[in-house]
């Protein structure tokens, strides 16, 4: 049986092309290596990135209403048609720089239903007077592990969780959180 000439020639070209691609390059051992720089000369440093300023957070590390709470909470609130409005986070007269207060609700209708979540970085110089002012205003102080909590007096709370806690601040190491209820604090997942 004879193979048509064009088909045989095409197959030969394919074999040659494939073998050229798959064959490793042969090195010429007869070449002399490049001279090494003298020991007194050091190679110039190569800069690959700019120095990182550790005090400035990366853009993805900036808190926002849809990032300070868990992803599941954002999905649940959004699926109900709720959106967030961001406001300044304050404790008494003190505005907390770098913080935010997020009020989630369905703003398309008049309603008093909503959720509140807040987070801010907080140093000890600001945390101490903030805690003293909350205590002076009648907030109830408690300590659990490394966290200090200030909860509004249940007698004046608009809403409470299953344990009777209403609006609550949680002070941690370098941050403070706020939620409508103490249980709501677990939904704040920042930092």
N, C-alpha and C. Protein backbone atom coordinates (compact mmCIF):
# COMPACT_ATOMS: atom_id res chain seq x y z
N UNK A 1 0.83 -1.15 0.00
CA UNK A 1 0.00 0.00 0.00
C UNK A 1 0.89 1.23 0.00
N UNK A 2 0.58 2.14 -0.86
CA UNK A 2 1.40 3.33 -1.01
C UNK A 2 0.74 4.50 -0.31
N UNK A 3 1.53 5.30 0.41
CA UNK A 3 1.05 6.50 1.09
C UNK A 3 1.20 7.66 0.14
N UNK A 4 0.18 8.48 0.01
CA UNK A 4 0.31 9.63 -0.87
C UNK A 4 1.47 10.50 -0.43
N UNK A 5 2.20 11.04 -1.38
CA UNK A 5 3.40 11.83 -1.13
C UNK A 5 3.13 13.05 -0.22
N UNK A 6 2.09 13.83 -0.44
CA UNK A 6 1.86 14.99 0.45
C UNK A 6 1.63 14.56 1.89
N UNK A 7 0.92 13.47 2.12
CA UNK A 7 0.66 13.02 3.48
C UNK A 7 1.94 12.54 4.13
N UNK A 8 2.78 11.82 3.44
CA UNK A 8 4.05 11.35 3.98
C UNK A 8 4.97 12.52 4.27
N UNK A 9 5.02 13.48 3.38
CA UNK A 9 5.87 14.65 3.58
C UNK A 9 5.40 15.45 4.81
N UNK A 10 4.07 15.60 4.97
CA UNK A 10 3.52 16.31 6.13
C UNK A 10 3.86 15.60 7.43
N UNK A 11 3.78 14.27 7.42
CA UNK A 11 4.10 13.50 8.62
C UNK A 11 5.57 13.65 8.97
N UNK A 12 6.44 13.66 7.94
CA UNK A 12 7.87 13.83 8.16
C UNK A 12 8.16 15.19 8.78
N UNK A 13 7.53 16.22 8.27
CA UNK A 13 7.72 17.57 8.82
C UNK A 13 7.25 17.64 10.28
N UNK A 14 6.15 17.00 10.59
CA UNK A 14 5.63 17.00 11.97
C UNK A 14 6.61 16.32 12.91
N UNK A 15 7.20 15.18 12.48
CA UNK A 15 8.16 14.47 13.31
C UNK A 15 9.40 15.33 13.54
N UNK A 16 9.88 15.98 12.48
CA UNK A 16 11.07 16.84 12.61
C UNK A 16 10.77 18.00 13.55
N UNK A 17 9.60 18.61 13.40
CA UNK A 17 9.25 19.76 14.25
C UNK A 17 9.13 19.35 15.70
N UNK A 18 8.49 18.21 15.96
CA UNK A 18 8.34 17.74 17.33
C UNK A 18 9.67 17.38 17.95
N UNK A 19 10.54 16.75 17.17
CA UNK A 19 11.84 16.37 17.74
C UNK A 19 12.69 17.60 18.01
N UNK A 20 12.53 18.64 17.21
CA UNK A 20 13.30 19.87 17.45
C UNK A 20 12.82 20.56 18.72
N UNK A 21 11.51 20.47 19.01
CA UNK A 21 10.97 21.11 20.21
C UNK A 21 11.32 20.33 21.46
N UNK A 22 11.39 19.03 21.35
CA UNK A 22 11.58 18.23 22.56
C UNK A 22 13.04 17.95 22.86
N UNK A 23 13.92 18.14 21.94
CA UNK A 23 15.32 17.82 22.19
C UNK A 23 15.95 18.90 23.06
N UNK A 24 16.63 18.50 24.13
CA UNK A 24 17.28 19.51 24.97
C UNK A 24 18.44 20.16 24.24
N UNK A 25 18.66 21.39 24.54
CA UNK A 25 19.77 22.11 23.91
C UNK A 25 21.08 21.55 24.44
N UNK A 26 22.00 21.33 23.54
CA UNK A 26 23.31 20.81 23.91
C UNK A 26 24.20 22.00 24.27
N UNK A 27 24.92 21.89 25.34
CA UNK A 27 25.83 22.99 25.69
C UNK A 27 27.19 22.69 25.11
N UNK A 28 27.87 23.72 24.75
CA UNK A 28 29.21 23.60 24.19
C UNK A 28 30.19 23.68 25.35
N UNK A 29 30.74 22.51 25.74
CA UNK A 29 31.66 22.46 26.88
C UNK A 29 32.99 23.11 26.58
N UNK A 30 33.22 23.44 25.31
CA UNK A 30 34.51 24.02 24.97
C UNK A 30 34.55 25.52 25.28
N UNK A 31 33.38 26.11 25.61
CA UNK A 31 33.37 27.54 25.93
C UNK A 31 34.05 27.76 27.29
N UNK A 32 34.64 28.91 27.42
CA UNK A 32 35.26 29.25 28.71
C UNK A 32 34.27 30.03 29.53
N UNK A 33 34.21 29.78 30.84
CA UNK A 33 33.25 30.50 31.69
C UNK A 33 33.62 31.98 31.77
N UNK A 34 32.62 32.80 32.05
CA UNK A 34 32.83 34.25 32.19
C UNK A 34 33.68 34.49 33.42
N UNK A 35 34.58 35.47 33.34
CA UNK A 35 35.43 35.73 34.50
C UNK A 35 34.60 36.24 35.67
N UNK A 36 34.99 35.82 36.88
CA UNK A 36 34.31 36.26 38.09
C UNK A 36 34.89 37.62 38.50
N UNK A 37 34.01 38.49 39.07
CA UNK A 37 34.54 39.77 39.52
C UNK A 37 35.52 39.56 40.67
N UNK A 38 36.48 40.46 40.81
CA UNK A 38 37.41 40.33 41.93
C UNK A 38 36.67 40.35 43.25
N UNK A 39 37.27 39.71 44.27
CA UNK A 39 36.64 39.58 45.58
C UNK A 39 36.35 40.94 46.21
N UNK A 40 37.11 41.96 45.87
CA UNK A 40 36.90 43.27 46.50
C UNK A 40 35.66 43.98 45.96
N UNK A 41 35.23 43.61 44.76
CA UNK A 41 34.03 44.23 44.20
C UNK A 41 32.81 43.45 44.64
N UNK A 42 31.79 44.15 45.07
CA UNK A 42 30.55 43.46 45.41
C UNK A 42 29.50 43.85 44.37
N UNK A 43 28.67 42.91 44.01
CA UNK A 43 27.67 43.21 42.99
C UNK A 43 26.70 44.28 43.49
N UNK A 44 26.17 45.05 42.57
CA UNK A 44 25.23 46.11 42.93
C UNK A 44 23.94 45.49 43.45
N UNK A 45 23.38 46.07 44.50
CA UNK A 45 22.13 45.51 45.04
C UNK A 45 20.99 45.70 44.04
N UNK A 46 20.10 44.74 44.05
CA UNK A 46 18.94 44.80 43.17
C UNK A 46 17.73 45.12 44.02
N UNK A 47 17.06 46.21 43.72
CA UNK A 47 15.86 46.60 44.45
C UNK A 47 14.66 46.04 43.71
N UNK A 48 13.89 45.19 44.40
CA UNK A 48 12.74 44.57 43.75
C UNK A 48 11.42 45.21 44.14
N UNK A 49 11.34 45.78 45.34
CA UNK A 49 10.10 46.44 45.77
C UNK A 49 10.45 47.66 46.59
N UNK A 50 9.44 48.52 46.76
CA UNK A 50 9.63 49.68 47.62
C UNK A 50 9.47 49.24 49.06
N UNK A 51 10.09 49.95 50.00
CA UNK A 51 9.90 49.59 51.40
C UNK A 51 8.43 49.73 51.80
N UNK A 52 7.98 48.85 52.69
CA UNK A 52 6.60 48.86 53.14
C UNK A 52 6.49 49.70 54.40
N UNK A 53 5.55 50.63 54.39
CA UNK A 53 5.27 51.43 55.58
C UNK A 53 4.29 50.62 56.42
N UNK A 54 4.75 50.10 57.54
CA UNK A 54 3.92 49.23 58.36
C UNK A 54 2.78 49.97 59.05
N UNK A 55 2.85 51.28 59.11
CA UNK A 55 1.79 52.05 59.75
C UNK A 55 0.61 52.30 58.81
N UNK A 56 0.80 52.19 57.51
CA UNK A 56 -0.26 52.42 56.55
C UNK A 56 -0.81 51.06 56.12
N UNK A 57 -2.10 50.80 56.38
CA UNK A 57 -2.64 49.50 56.00
C UNK A 57 -2.78 49.38 54.49
N UNK A 58 -2.70 48.14 54.02
CA UNK A 58 -2.94 47.87 52.61
C UNK A 58 -4.40 48.23 52.31
N UNK A 59 -4.72 48.58 51.05
CA UNK A 59 -6.09 48.96 50.73
C UNK A 59 -7.12 47.93 51.17
N UNK A 60 -6.79 46.64 51.08
CA UNK A 60 -7.73 45.61 51.50
C UNK A 60 -7.84 45.52 53.01
N UNK A 61 -6.93 46.17 53.72
CA UNK A 61 -6.93 46.12 55.18
C UNK A 61 -7.60 47.34 55.81
N UNK A 62 -8.33 48.11 55.00
CA UNK A 62 -9.04 49.26 55.53
C UNK A 62 -10.45 48.81 55.88
N UNK A 63 -10.87 49.05 57.12
CA UNK A 63 -12.21 48.58 57.51
C UNK A 63 -13.31 49.29 56.72
N UNK A 64 -14.34 48.54 56.41
CA UNK A 64 -15.52 49.07 55.72
C UNK A 64 -16.74 48.33 56.28
N UNK A 65 -17.93 48.87 56.04
CA UNK A 65 -19.14 48.25 56.60
C UNK A 65 -19.32 46.81 56.16
N UNK A 66 -18.84 46.47 54.96
CA UNK A 66 -19.00 45.10 54.49
C UNK A 66 -17.78 44.22 54.77
N UNK A 67 -16.80 44.76 55.51
CA UNK A 67 -15.64 43.93 55.86
C UNK A 67 -15.45 43.78 57.37
N UNK A 68 -16.04 44.64 58.18
CA UNK A 68 -15.82 44.50 59.63
C UNK A 68 -16.69 43.40 60.23
N UNK A 69 -17.74 43.01 59.53
CA UNK A 69 -18.59 41.91 60.00
C UNK A 69 -18.36 40.70 59.11
N UNK A 70 -18.80 39.55 59.58
CA UNK A 70 -18.55 38.32 58.83
C UNK A 70 -19.22 38.36 57.46
N UNK A 71 -18.65 37.63 56.53
CA UNK A 71 -19.19 37.56 55.18
C UNK A 71 -20.61 37.02 55.18
N UNK A 72 -20.89 36.04 56.03
CA UNK A 72 -22.24 35.47 56.14
C UNK A 72 -23.25 36.50 56.62
N UNK A 73 -22.82 37.36 57.54
CA UNK A 73 -23.71 38.41 58.04
C UNK A 73 -24.01 39.41 56.93
N UNK A 74 -23.00 39.80 56.16
CA UNK A 74 -23.21 40.71 55.04
C UNK A 74 -24.19 40.10 54.05
N UNK A 75 -24.01 38.82 53.73
CA UNK A 75 -24.90 38.14 52.79
C UNK A 75 -26.33 38.09 53.32
N UNK A 76 -26.48 37.78 54.61
CA UNK A 76 -27.82 37.69 55.19
C UNK A 76 -28.52 39.05 55.19
N UNK A 77 -27.81 40.09 55.58
CA UNK A 77 -28.40 41.43 55.60
C UNK A 77 -28.72 41.91 54.18
N UNK A 78 -27.81 41.68 53.26
CA UNK A 78 -28.01 42.09 51.87
C UNK A 78 -29.18 41.36 51.23
N UNK A 79 -29.34 40.07 51.55
CA UNK A 79 -30.44 39.29 50.96
C UNK A 79 -31.80 39.79 51.43
N UNK A 80 -31.82 40.49 52.56
CA UNK A 80 -33.06 41.09 53.06
C UNK A 80 -33.29 42.48 52.46
N UNK A 81 -32.37 42.92 51.61
CA UNK A 81 -32.49 44.23 51.00
C UNK A 81 -31.90 45.35 51.85
N UNK A 82 -31.14 44.97 52.87
CA UNK A 82 -30.55 45.96 53.76
C UNK A 82 -29.23 46.47 53.18
N UNK A 83 -28.94 47.72 53.44
CA UNK A 83 -27.67 48.32 53.09
C UNK A 83 -27.13 49.03 54.32
N UNK A 84 -25.88 49.43 54.25
CA UNK A 84 -25.24 50.07 55.40
C UNK A 84 -25.00 51.54 55.14
N UNK A 85 -25.18 52.32 56.18
CA UNK A 85 -24.78 53.72 56.17
C UNK A 85 -23.66 53.85 57.19
N UNK A 86 -22.59 54.48 56.77
CA UNK A 86 -21.42 54.63 57.64
C UNK A 86 -21.46 55.99 58.32
N UNK A 87 -21.15 55.97 59.61
CA UNK A 87 -21.07 57.19 60.39
C UNK A 87 -19.79 57.17 61.21
N UNK A 88 -19.50 58.29 61.82
CA UNK A 88 -18.32 58.40 62.68
C UNK A 88 -18.57 57.61 63.96
N UNK A 89 -17.57 56.85 64.38
CA UNK A 89 -17.65 56.07 65.61
C UNK A 89 -17.12 56.94 66.74
N UNK A 90 -17.96 57.15 67.74
CA UNK A 90 -17.61 57.99 68.89
C UNK A 90 -17.90 57.24 70.19
N UNK A 91 -17.13 57.56 71.20
CA UNK A 91 -17.46 57.15 72.56
C UNK A 91 -17.59 58.45 73.34
N UNK A 92 -18.81 58.79 73.68
CA UNK A 92 -19.05 60.09 74.31
C UNK A 92 -18.67 61.21 73.35
N UNK A 93 -17.83 62.11 73.81
CA UNK A 93 -17.38 63.23 72.99
C UNK A 93 -16.15 62.89 72.14
N UNK A 94 -15.61 61.70 72.31
CA UNK A 94 -14.36 61.34 71.63
C UNK A 94 -14.64 60.62 70.31
N UNK A 95 -14.23 61.24 69.21
CA UNK A 95 -14.30 60.59 67.89
C UNK A 95 -13.11 59.64 67.79
N UNK A 96 -13.37 58.43 67.33
CA UNK A 96 -12.32 57.41 67.23
C UNK A 96 -11.76 57.41 65.81
N UNK A 97 -10.57 57.96 65.67
CA UNK A 97 -9.93 58.07 64.36
C UNK A 97 -9.66 56.69 63.78
N UNK A 98 -10.01 56.51 62.52
CA UNK A 98 -9.80 55.23 61.85
C UNK A 98 -10.92 54.24 62.08
N UNK A 99 -11.93 54.64 62.84
CA UNK A 99 -13.04 53.74 63.12
C UNK A 99 -14.26 54.08 62.31
N UNK A 100 -15.26 53.21 62.38
CA UNK A 100 -16.50 53.46 61.68
C UNK A 100 -17.66 52.80 62.41
N UNK A 101 -18.81 53.43 62.30
CA UNK A 101 -20.06 52.92 62.83
C UNK A 101 -20.94 52.63 61.63
N UNK A 102 -21.44 51.40 61.53
CA UNK A 102 -22.25 50.99 60.39
C UNK A 102 -23.67 50.69 60.85
N UNK A 103 -24.60 51.38 60.25
CA UNK A 103 -26.01 51.18 60.56
C UNK A 103 -26.65 50.46 59.38
N UNK A 104 -27.01 49.19 59.58
CA UNK A 104 -27.61 48.36 58.53
C UNK A 104 -29.12 48.39 58.68
N UNK A 105 -29.82 48.64 57.57
CA UNK A 105 -31.27 48.66 57.58
C UNK A 105 -31.78 48.65 56.14
N UNK A 106 -33.10 48.52 55.99
CA UNK A 106 -33.72 48.68 54.69
C UNK A 106 -34.12 50.14 54.59
N UNK A 107 -33.30 50.93 53.93
CA UNK A 107 -33.52 52.37 53.86
C UNK A 107 -34.56 52.75 52.81
N UNK A 108 -35.12 51.77 52.11
CA UNK A 108 -36.15 52.08 51.11
C UNK A 108 -37.53 52.26 51.76
N UNK A 109 -37.66 51.85 53.02
CA UNK A 109 -38.92 52.02 53.73
C UNK A 109 -38.66 52.62 55.10
N UNK A 110 -39.66 53.30 55.62
CA UNK A 110 -39.55 53.85 56.98
C UNK A 110 -39.68 52.70 57.98
N UNK A 111 -38.66 52.55 58.81
CA UNK A 111 -38.65 51.44 59.76
C UNK A 111 -37.71 51.76 60.90
N UNK A 112 -37.99 51.17 62.05
CA UNK A 112 -37.07 51.31 63.17
C UNK A 112 -36.25 50.03 63.37
N UNK A 113 -36.31 49.13 62.39
CA UNK A 113 -35.53 47.90 62.46
C UNK A 113 -34.16 48.11 61.83
N UNK A 114 -33.15 47.62 62.47
CA UNK A 114 -31.81 47.74 61.94
C UNK A 114 -30.80 47.05 62.84
N UNK A 115 -29.57 47.04 62.40
CA UNK A 115 -28.46 46.47 63.16
C UNK A 115 -27.33 47.50 63.17
N UNK A 116 -26.57 47.50 64.24
CA UNK A 116 -25.46 48.44 64.38
C UNK A 116 -24.19 47.66 64.72
N UNK A 117 -23.13 47.95 63.96
CA UNK A 117 -21.83 47.35 64.20
C UNK A 117 -20.77 48.44 64.05
N UNK A 118 -19.81 48.47 64.97
CA UNK A 118 -18.76 49.48 64.90
C UNK A 118 -17.43 48.86 65.30
N UNK A 119 -16.37 49.42 64.75
CA UNK A 119 -15.01 48.99 65.07
C UNK A 119 -14.08 50.18 64.92
N UNK A 120 -13.05 50.24 65.79
CA UNK A 120 -12.02 51.28 65.67
C UNK A 120 -10.74 50.79 66.30
N UNK A 121 -9.59 51.23 65.76
CA UNK A 121 -8.33 50.99 66.46
C UNK A 121 -8.32 51.91 67.68
N UNK A 122 -7.70 51.46 68.74
CA UNK A 122 -7.74 52.24 69.98
C UNK A 122 -6.48 52.00 70.80
N UNK A 123 -5.78 53.08 71.11
CA UNK A 123 -4.60 52.94 71.95
C UNK A 123 -5.00 53.13 73.42
N UNK A 124 -4.10 52.78 74.32
CA UNK A 124 -4.39 52.84 75.76
C UNK A 124 -4.67 54.26 76.22
N UNK A 125 -4.03 55.24 75.60
CA UNK A 125 -4.25 56.64 75.99
C UNK A 125 -5.68 57.08 75.72
N UNK A 126 -6.33 56.51 74.73
CA UNK A 126 -7.72 56.84 74.42
C UNK A 126 -8.67 55.88 75.12
N UNK A 127 -8.28 54.63 75.28
CA UNK A 127 -9.15 53.61 75.87
C UNK A 127 -9.47 53.91 77.33
N UNK A 128 -8.47 54.33 78.11
CA UNK A 128 -8.70 54.57 79.54
C UNK A 128 -9.74 55.65 79.79
N UNK A 129 -9.61 56.86 79.20
CA UNK A 129 -10.64 57.87 79.45
C UNK A 129 -12.01 57.48 78.86
N UNK A 130 -12.01 56.75 77.75
CA UNK A 130 -13.29 56.32 77.16
C UNK A 130 -14.01 55.36 78.10
N UNK A 131 -13.28 54.44 78.70
CA UNK A 131 -13.88 53.50 79.64
C UNK A 131 -14.37 54.22 80.90
N UNK A 132 -13.59 55.16 81.37
CA UNK A 132 -14.01 55.93 82.56
C UNK A 132 -15.28 56.72 82.28
N UNK A 133 -15.39 57.29 81.08
CA UNK A 133 -16.60 58.07 80.76
C UNK A 133 -17.82 57.16 80.64
N UNK A 134 -17.66 55.96 80.08
CA UNK A 134 -18.79 55.02 80.00
C UNK A 134 -19.25 54.61 81.40
N UNK A 135 -18.29 54.34 82.27
CA UNK A 135 -18.65 53.94 83.63
C UNK A 135 -19.34 55.09 84.36
N UNK A 136 -18.88 56.32 84.15
CA UNK A 136 -19.49 57.48 84.79
C UNK A 136 -20.92 57.71 84.28
N UNK A 137 -21.21 57.28 83.04
CA UNK A 137 -22.54 57.43 82.47
C UNK A 137 -23.48 56.28 82.86
N UNK A 138 -22.99 55.33 83.65
CA UNK A 138 -23.85 54.25 84.13
C UNK A 138 -23.78 52.96 83.34
N UNK A 139 -22.84 52.85 82.38
CA UNK A 139 -22.67 51.60 81.67
C UNK A 139 -22.09 50.56 82.63
N UNK A 140 -22.49 49.32 82.49
CA UNK A 140 -22.06 48.25 83.38
C UNK A 140 -20.79 47.59 82.85
N UNK A 141 -19.75 47.54 83.70
CA UNK A 141 -18.44 47.02 83.31
C UNK A 141 -18.32 45.55 83.71
N UNK A 142 -17.74 44.75 82.80
CA UNK A 142 -17.40 43.36 83.11
C UNK A 142 -16.14 42.99 82.35
N UNK A 143 -15.45 41.97 82.85
CA UNK A 143 -14.21 41.52 82.21
C UNK A 143 -14.35 40.03 81.94
N UNK A 144 -14.00 39.64 80.72
CA UNK A 144 -13.98 38.22 80.33
C UNK A 144 -12.70 37.98 79.55
N UNK A 145 -11.81 37.19 80.10
CA UNK A 145 -10.53 36.93 79.44
C UNK A 145 -9.76 38.23 79.29
N UNK A 146 -9.34 38.53 78.07
CA UNK A 146 -8.57 39.74 77.80
C UNK A 146 -9.45 40.92 77.40
N UNK A 147 -10.76 40.73 77.36
CA UNK A 147 -11.66 41.80 76.91
C UNK A 147 -12.38 42.46 78.09
N UNK A 148 -12.61 43.76 77.93
CA UNK A 148 -13.39 44.53 78.90
C UNK A 148 -14.67 44.96 78.18
N UNK A 149 -15.82 44.71 78.82
CA UNK A 149 -17.11 45.01 78.22
C UNK A 149 -17.80 46.12 79.02
N UNK A 150 -18.49 46.99 78.28
CA UNK A 150 -19.36 47.99 78.88
C UNK A 150 -20.71 47.85 78.20
N UNK A 151 -21.72 47.49 79.00
CA UNK A 151 -23.07 47.25 78.49
C UNK A 151 -24.01 48.27 79.09
N UNK A 152 -24.94 48.75 78.24
CA UNK A 152 -25.93 49.70 78.75
C UNK A 152 -26.78 49.01 79.81
N UNK A 153 -27.29 49.76 80.73
CA UNK A 153 -28.16 49.24 81.78
C UNK A 153 -29.37 48.60 81.11
N UNK A 154 -29.64 47.30 81.38
CA UNK A 154 -30.76 46.61 80.73
C UNK A 154 -32.10 47.31 80.95
N UNK A 155 -32.22 48.05 82.02
CA UNK A 155 -33.46 48.77 82.30
C UNK A 155 -33.77 49.81 81.22
N UNK A 156 -32.73 50.32 80.57
CA UNK A 156 -32.90 51.35 79.54
C UNK A 156 -32.63 50.86 78.12
N UNK A 157 -32.35 49.56 77.98
CA UNK A 157 -32.01 49.00 76.67
C UNK A 157 -33.23 48.91 75.76
N UNK A 158 -33.04 49.27 74.49
CA UNK A 158 -34.11 49.16 73.50
C UNK A 158 -34.30 47.69 73.12
N UNK A 159 -33.21 46.98 72.96
CA UNK A 159 -33.25 45.55 72.61
C UNK A 159 -32.17 44.84 73.40
N UNK A 160 -32.43 43.59 73.75
CA UNK A 160 -31.44 42.80 74.48
C UNK A 160 -31.31 41.43 73.80
N UNK A 161 -30.15 40.79 74.04
CA UNK A 161 -29.96 39.44 73.53
C UNK A 161 -30.58 38.45 74.51
N UNK A 162 -30.40 37.16 74.23
CA UNK A 162 -31.02 36.13 75.08
C UNK A 162 -30.48 36.13 76.51
N UNK A 163 -29.34 36.76 76.73
CA UNK A 163 -28.78 36.84 78.08
C UNK A 163 -29.09 38.17 78.76
N UNK A 164 -29.89 39.00 78.11
CA UNK A 164 -30.31 40.26 78.72
C UNK A 164 -29.37 41.43 78.48
N UNK A 165 -28.39 41.27 77.59
CA UNK A 165 -27.44 42.35 77.32
C UNK A 165 -27.91 43.17 76.13
N UNK A 166 -27.91 44.48 76.29
CA UNK A 166 -28.23 45.39 75.20
C UNK A 166 -26.96 45.87 74.53
N UNK A 167 -26.97 47.12 74.10
CA UNK A 167 -25.82 47.71 73.40
C UNK A 167 -24.57 47.53 74.25
N UNK A 168 -23.49 47.03 73.60
CA UNK A 168 -22.28 46.68 74.34
C UNK A 168 -21.02 47.08 73.57
N UNK A 169 -20.08 47.67 74.31
CA UNK A 169 -18.73 47.94 73.80
C UNK A 169 -17.83 46.80 74.27
N UNK A 170 -16.91 46.39 73.42
CA UNK A 170 -15.87 45.43 73.80
C UNK A 170 -14.53 46.08 73.53
N UNK A 171 -13.71 46.20 74.58
CA UNK A 171 -12.36 46.76 74.45
C UNK A 171 -11.36 45.61 74.46
N UNK A 172 -10.56 45.54 73.40
CA UNK A 172 -9.51 44.54 73.30
C UNK A 172 -8.16 45.22 73.22
N UNK A 173 -7.15 44.45 72.88
CA UNK A 173 -5.79 44.96 72.79
C UNK A 173 -5.61 45.75 71.49
N UNK A 174 -5.77 47.07 71.56
CA UNK A 174 -5.58 47.92 70.40
C UNK A 174 -6.82 48.19 69.58
N UNK A 175 -8.01 47.83 70.07
CA UNK A 175 -9.25 48.04 69.32
C UNK A 175 -10.45 48.11 70.25
N UNK A 176 -11.57 48.59 69.70
CA UNK A 176 -12.85 48.59 70.40
C UNK A 176 -13.94 48.25 69.39
N UNK A 177 -14.94 47.51 69.83
CA UNK A 177 -16.09 47.13 69.01
C UNK A 177 -17.37 47.60 69.71
N UNK A 178 -18.42 47.74 68.93
CA UNK A 178 -19.73 48.09 69.48
C UNK A 178 -20.79 47.37 68.65
N UNK A 179 -21.80 46.82 69.34
CA UNK A 179 -22.94 46.19 68.65
C UNK A 179 -24.20 46.46 69.44
N UNK A 180 -25.34 46.23 68.79
CA UNK A 180 -26.65 46.42 69.42
C UNK A 180 -26.80 45.60 70.69
N UNK A 181 -26.23 44.40 70.67
CA UNK A 181 -26.27 43.49 71.82
C UNK A 181 -24.88 42.89 72.01
N UNK A 182 -24.67 42.35 73.18
CA UNK A 182 -23.37 41.72 73.44
C UNK A 182 -23.15 40.54 72.49
N UNK A 183 -24.20 39.76 72.23
CA UNK A 183 -24.07 38.63 71.30
C UNK A 183 -23.69 39.11 69.91
N UNK A 184 -24.15 40.29 69.51
CA UNK A 184 -23.84 40.84 68.20
C UNK A 184 -22.36 41.10 67.99
N UNK A 185 -21.60 41.22 69.07
CA UNK A 185 -20.15 41.47 68.95
C UNK A 185 -19.43 40.34 68.23
N UNK A 186 -19.94 39.11 68.34
CA UNK A 186 -19.26 37.97 67.70
C UNK A 186 -19.32 38.07 66.18
N UNK A 187 -20.24 38.88 65.64
CA UNK A 187 -20.36 39.04 64.19
C UNK A 187 -19.34 40.02 63.63
N UNK A 188 -18.70 40.78 64.52
CA UNK A 188 -17.67 41.73 64.08
C UNK A 188 -16.37 40.94 64.00
N UNK A 189 -15.86 40.83 62.79
CA UNK A 189 -14.71 39.98 62.53
C UNK A 189 -13.54 40.82 62.00
N UNK A 190 -13.17 41.82 62.76
CA UNK A 190 -12.09 42.72 62.36
C UNK A 190 -11.30 43.06 63.60
N UNK A 191 -10.10 43.14 63.64
CA UNK A 191 -9.06 42.83 62.69
C UNK A 191 -8.81 41.35 62.61
